[in-house]
Amino acid sequence: MNVCDIFDRHPMTTSPDEPAQALWGRMQRGGADHAVVLEHDQVAGIISRHDLMGPAGGARRRMGRSVGELMRRDVSTTTPTTSVRRAAASMRRRHVGCLPVVTRKQLVGILTVSQLLRVLEQKLAGG
């Protein structure tokens, strides 16, 4: 099984200039846990709900700040043809909850822990 079999082809995206509070609202409405930050149509970073909430879980962290101030720039990516096993191992080693999926440096989707858990659930159920 490869990443192309399970990844989300419609990830939430943002720019470094978007106000963090605006992104928070979009993520809440869309039920997204992560957003891929794009600059010049290429992956520049990743931002999660946790990044926007801060350690105390409050709104103060994002008030008056941009996505670029809160995003993580050291992003690991994967490709659609990478095996799910290899992608999961990469996520575990790097302690990340998602991997942007790219083809020729262009974002084509996102792989999340939730998708990996769904695969595990199906495998354990015999499916």
C-alpha atoms as a PDB file:
ATOM      1  CA  MET A   1       0.000   0.000   0.000  1.00  0.00           C
ATOM      2  CA  ASN A   2       1.302   3.440  -0.953  1.00  0.00           C
ATOM      3  CA  VAL A   3       0.557   6.936   0.280  1.00  0.00           C
ATOM      4  CA  CYS A   4      -1.511   7.568  -2.892  1.00  0.00           C
ATOM      5  CA  ASP A   5      -4.021   4.989  -1.634  1.00  0.00           C
ATOM      6  CA  ILE A   6      -4.916   6.877   1.539  1.00  0.00           C
ATOM      7  CA  PHE A   7      -3.859  10.555   1.548  1.00  0.00           C
ATOM      8  CA  ASP A   8      -6.197  13.568   1.545  1.00  0.00           C
ATOM      9  CA  ARG A   9      -6.085  15.243  -1.859  1.00  0.00           C
ATOM     10  CA  HIS A  10      -7.624  18.480  -0.599  1.00  0.00           C
ATOM     11  CA  PRO A  11      -5.471  19.746   2.282  1.00  0.00           C
ATOM     12  CA  MET A  12      -6.119  23.065   3.925  1.00  0.00           C
ATOM     13  CA  THR A  13      -3.533  25.580   2.752  1.00  0.00           C
ATOM     14  CA  THR A  14      -2.526  29.033   3.876  1.00  0.00           C
ATOM     15  CA  SER A  15       0.128  31.656   3.275  1.00  0.00           C
ATOM     16  CA  PRO A  16       2.643  32.977   5.796  1.00  0.00           C
ATOM     17  CA  ASP A  17       0.861  36.345   5.648  1.00  0.00           C
ATOM     18  CA  GLU A  18      -2.586  35.086   6.725  1.00  0.00           C
ATOM     19  CA  PRO A  19      -3.518  36.268  10.209  1.00  0.00           C
ATOM     20  CA  ALA A  20      -3.252  33.333  12.617  1.00  0.00           C
ATOM     21  CA  GLN A  21      -6.700  34.109  14.034  1.00  0.00           C
ATOM     22  CA  ALA A  22      -8.273  33.881  10.551  1.00  0.00           C
ATOM     23  CA  LEU A  23      -6.623  30.526   9.903  1.00  0.00           C
ATOM     24  CA  TRP A  24      -7.803  29.279  13.298  1.00  0.00           C
ATOM     25  CA  GLY A  25     -11.379  30.078  12.288  1.00  0.00           C
ATOM     26  CA  ARG A  26     -11.004  28.292   8.944  1.00  0.00           C
ATOM     27  CA  MET A  27      -9.499  25.247  10.639  1.00  0.00           C
ATOM     28  CA  GLN A  28     -12.322  25.159  13.180  1.00  0.00           C
ATOM     29  CA  ARG A  29     -14.990  25.394  10.489  1.00  0.00           C
ATOM     30  CA  GLY A  30     -13.257  22.858   8.244  1.00  0.00           C
ATOM     31  CA  GLY A  31     -12.336  20.401  10.986  1.00  0.00           C
ATOM     32  CA  ALA A  32      -8.664  20.497   9.972  1.00  0.00           C
ATOM     33  CA  ASP A  33      -5.850  19.719  12.387  1.00  0.00           C
ATOM     34  CA  HIS A  34      -3.098  20.941  10.048  1.00  0.00           C
ATOM     35  CA  ALA A  35      -2.639  23.487   7.276  1.00  0.00           C
ATOM     36  CA  VAL A  36       0.160  23.467   4.726  1.00  0.00           C
ATOM     37  CA  VAL A  37       1.841  26.851   4.314  1.00  0.00           C
ATOM     38  CA  LEU A  38       2.586  27.689   0.687  1.00  0.00           C
ATOM     39  CA  GLU A  39       4.932  30.324  -0.702  1.00  0.00           C
ATOM     40  CA  HIS A  40       5.256  30.669  -4.473  1.00  0.00           C
ATOM     41  CA  ASP A  41       3.178  27.467  -4.854  1.00  0.00           C
ATOM     42  CA  GLN A  42       5.707  25.404  -2.874  1.00  0.00           C
ATOM     43  CA  VAL A  43       5.590  24.002   0.658  1.00  0.00           C
ATOM     44  CA  ALA A  44       7.174  26.536   3.021  1.00  0.00           C
ATOM     45  CA  GLY A  45       5.920  25.178   6.334  1.00  0.00           C
ATOM     46  CA  ILE A  46       3.217  23.465   8.317  1.00  0.00           C
ATOM     47  CA  ILE A  47       0.993  24.758  11.086  1.00  0.00           C
ATOM     48  CA  SER A  48      -1.176  22.731  13.436  1.00  0.00           C
ATOM     49  CA  ARG A  49      -3.985  23.448  15.871  1.00  0.00           C
ATOM     50  CA  HIS A  50      -1.428  23.033  18.631  1.00  0.00           C
ATOM     51  CA  ASP A  51       0.830  25.668  17.047  1.00  0.00           C
ATOM     52  CA  LEU A  52      -2.107  28.079  16.998  1.00  0.00           C
ATOM     53  CA  MET A  53      -3.261  27.317  20.542  1.00  0.00           C
ATOM     54  CA  GLY A  54       0.062  27.316  22.351  1.00  0.00           C
ATOM     55  CA  PRO A  55       0.884  25.237  25.408  1.00  0.00           C
ATOM     56  CA  ALA A  56      -1.925  26.727  27.484  1.00  0.00           C
ATOM     57  CA  GLY A  57      -4.531  26.241  24.751  1.00  0.00           C
ATOM     58  CA  GLY A  58      -5.502  29.887  24.652  1.00  0.00           C
ATOM     59  CA  ALA A  59      -6.208  32.456  21.967  1.00  0.00           C
ATOM     60  CA  ARG A  60      -3.455  34.801  23.137  1.00  0.00           C
ATOM     61  CA  ARG A  61      -0.800  32.945  21.133  1.00  0.00           C
ATOM     62  CA  ARG A  62      -2.405  33.767  17.792  1.00  0.00           C
ATOM     63  CA  MET A  63      -3.723  37.278  18.479  1.00  0.00           C
ATOM     64  CA  GLY A  64      -2.056  39.849  16.262  1.00  0.00           C
ATOM     65  CA  ARG A  65       0.321  37.287  14.763  1.00  0.00           C
ATOM     66  CA  SER A  66       0.661  35.869  11.293  1.00  0.00           C
ATOM     67  CA  VAL A  67       0.874  32.231  10.249  1.00  0.00           C
ATOM     68  CA  GLY A  68       4.505  32.861   9.276  1.00  0.00           C
ATOM     69  CA  GLU A  69       5.358  33.739  12.876  1.00  0.00           C
ATOM     70  CA  LEU A  70       3.915  30.488  14.250  1.00  0.00           C
ATOM     71  CA  MET A  71       4.510  27.912  11.510  1.00  0.00           C
ATOM     72  CA  ARG A  72       7.176  25.239  11.529  1.00  0.00           C
ATOM     73  CA  ARG A  73       9.575  25.635   8.622  1.00  0.00           C
ATOM     74  CA  ASP A  74      11.470  22.356   8.985  1.00  0.00           C
ATOM     75  CA  VAL A  75       8.866  20.340   7.128  1.00  0.00           C
ATOM     76  CA  SER A  76       9.305  16.741   6.050  1.00  0.00           C
ATOM     77  CA  THR A  77       7.373  15.706   2.976  1.00  0.00           C
ATOM     78  CA  THR A  78       6.513  12.464   1.225  1.00  0.00           C
ATOM     79  CA  THR A  79       5.437  11.424  -2.267  1.00  0.00           C
ATOM     80  CA  PRO A  80       2.371   9.540  -3.480  1.00  0.00           C
ATOM     81  CA  THR A  81       4.518   6.524  -4.389  1.00  0.00           C
ATOM     82  CA  THR A  82       6.108   6.186  -0.937  1.00  0.00           C
ATOM     83  CA  SER A  83       4.948   3.114   0.956  1.00  0.00           C
ATOM     84  CA  VAL A  84       2.573   3.757   3.851  1.00  0.00           C
ATOM     85  CA  ARG A  85       4.969   1.817   6.087  1.00  0.00           C
ATOM     86  CA  ARG A  86       7.883   4.097   5.189  1.00  0.00           C
ATOM     87  CA  ALA A  87       5.778   7.275   5.597  1.00  0.00           C
ATOM     88  CA  ALA A  88       4.468   6.104   8.993  1.00  0.00           C
ATOM     89  CA  ALA A  89       8.023   5.323  10.140  1.00  0.00           C
ATOM     90  CA  SER A  90       9.140   8.790   9.032  1.00  0.00           C
ATOM     91  CA  MET A  91       6.298  10.440  10.966  1.00  0.00           C
ATOM     92  CA  ARG A  92       7.113   8.424  14.085  1.00  0.00           C
ATOM     93  CA  ARG A  93      10.848   9.197  13.907  1.00  0.00           C
ATOM     94  CA  ARG A  94      10.236  12.895  13.393  1.00  0.00           C
ATOM     95  CA  HIS A  95       7.378  13.115  15.936  1.00  0.00           C
ATOM     96  CA  VAL A  96       5.030  14.799  13.459  1.00  0.00           C
ATOM     97  CA  GLY A  97       1.297  14.405  12.946  1.00  0.00           C
ATOM     98  CA  CYS A  98       1.302  14.874   9.185  1.00  0.00           C
ATOM     99  CA  LEU A  99       3.379  14.901   6.023  1.00  0.00           C
ATOM    100  CA  PRO A 100       2.593  17.110   3.042  1.00  0.00           C
ATOM    101  CA  VAL A 101       2.489  14.957  -0.101  1.00  0.00           C
ATOM    102  CA  VAL A 102       4.398  16.470  -3.023  1.00  0.00           C
ATOM    103  CA  THR A 103       5.101  15.653  -6.650  1.00  0.00           C
ATOM    104  CA  ARG A 104       7.871  17.622  -8.362  1.00  0.00           C
ATOM    105  CA  LYS A 105       7.855  20.131  -5.474  1.00  0.00           C
ATOM    106  CA  GLN A 106       4.108  20.781  -5.900  1.00  0.00           C
ATOM    107  CA  LEU A 107       1.644  20.015  -3.098  1.00  0.00           C
ATOM    108  CA  VAL A 108      -0.800  17.259  -4.069  1.00  0.00           C
ATOM    109  CA  GLY A 109      -2.168  16.353  -0.622  1.00  0.00           C
ATOM    110  CA  ILE A 110      -1.491  15.542   3.010  1.00  0.00           C
ATOM    111  CA  LEU A 111      -1.013  12.342   4.984  1.00  0.00           C
ATOM    112  CA  THR A 112      -2.135  12.490   8.619  1.00  0.00           C
ATOM    113  CA  VAL A 113      -1.985  10.227  11.633  1.00  0.00           C
ATOM    114  CA  SER A 114      -5.780   9.925  11.402  1.00  0.00           C
ATOM    115  CA  GLN A 115      -5.467   8.364   7.955  1.00  0.00           C
ATOM    116  CA  LEU A 116      -2.821   5.951   9.219  1.00  0.00           C
ATOM    117  CA  LEU A 117      -5.051   4.962  12.117  1.00  0.00           C
ATOM    118  CA  ARG A 118      -7.916   4.315   9.696  1.00  0.00           C
ATOM    119  CA  VAL A 119      -5.670   1.911   7.755  1.00  0.00           C
ATOM    120  CA  LEU A 120      -4.650   0.178  10.963  1.00  0.00           C
ATOM    121  CA  GLU A 121      -8.282  -0.135  12.032  1.00  0.00           C
ATOM    122  CA  GLN A 122      -9.222  -1.693   8.676  1.00  0.00           C
ATOM    123  CA  LYS A 123      -6.279  -4.108   8.767  1.00  0.00           C
ATOM    124  CA  LEU A 124      -7.112  -5.226  12.292  1.00  0.00           C
ATOM    125  CA  ALA A 125     -10.745  -5.694  11.306  1.00  0.00           C
ATOM    126  CA  GLY A 126      -9.586  -7.966   8.508  1.00  0.00           C
ATOM    127  CA  GLY A 127     -10.371  -5.546   5.687  1.00  0.00           C
END
